[in-house]
Amino acid sequence: VDKISTQASITAKYFFEKRGYKVVKEQKVERKGVLLTNYVMER
């Protein structure tokens, strides 16, 4: 496996960074009318 990726919430971002993941892209996604920020991360 060359890359592992995840879509992490703001809260989970720190958890993944401490495990070697890097932010590839910040996203804004809408869920039930609420705009949320999450991060595409890879390691």
Foldseek 3Di string as FASTA:
>chain_A
DPKDKDKAFPVCPVVVVVVPKDFPDWDWDDDPRDTGIITIIMD
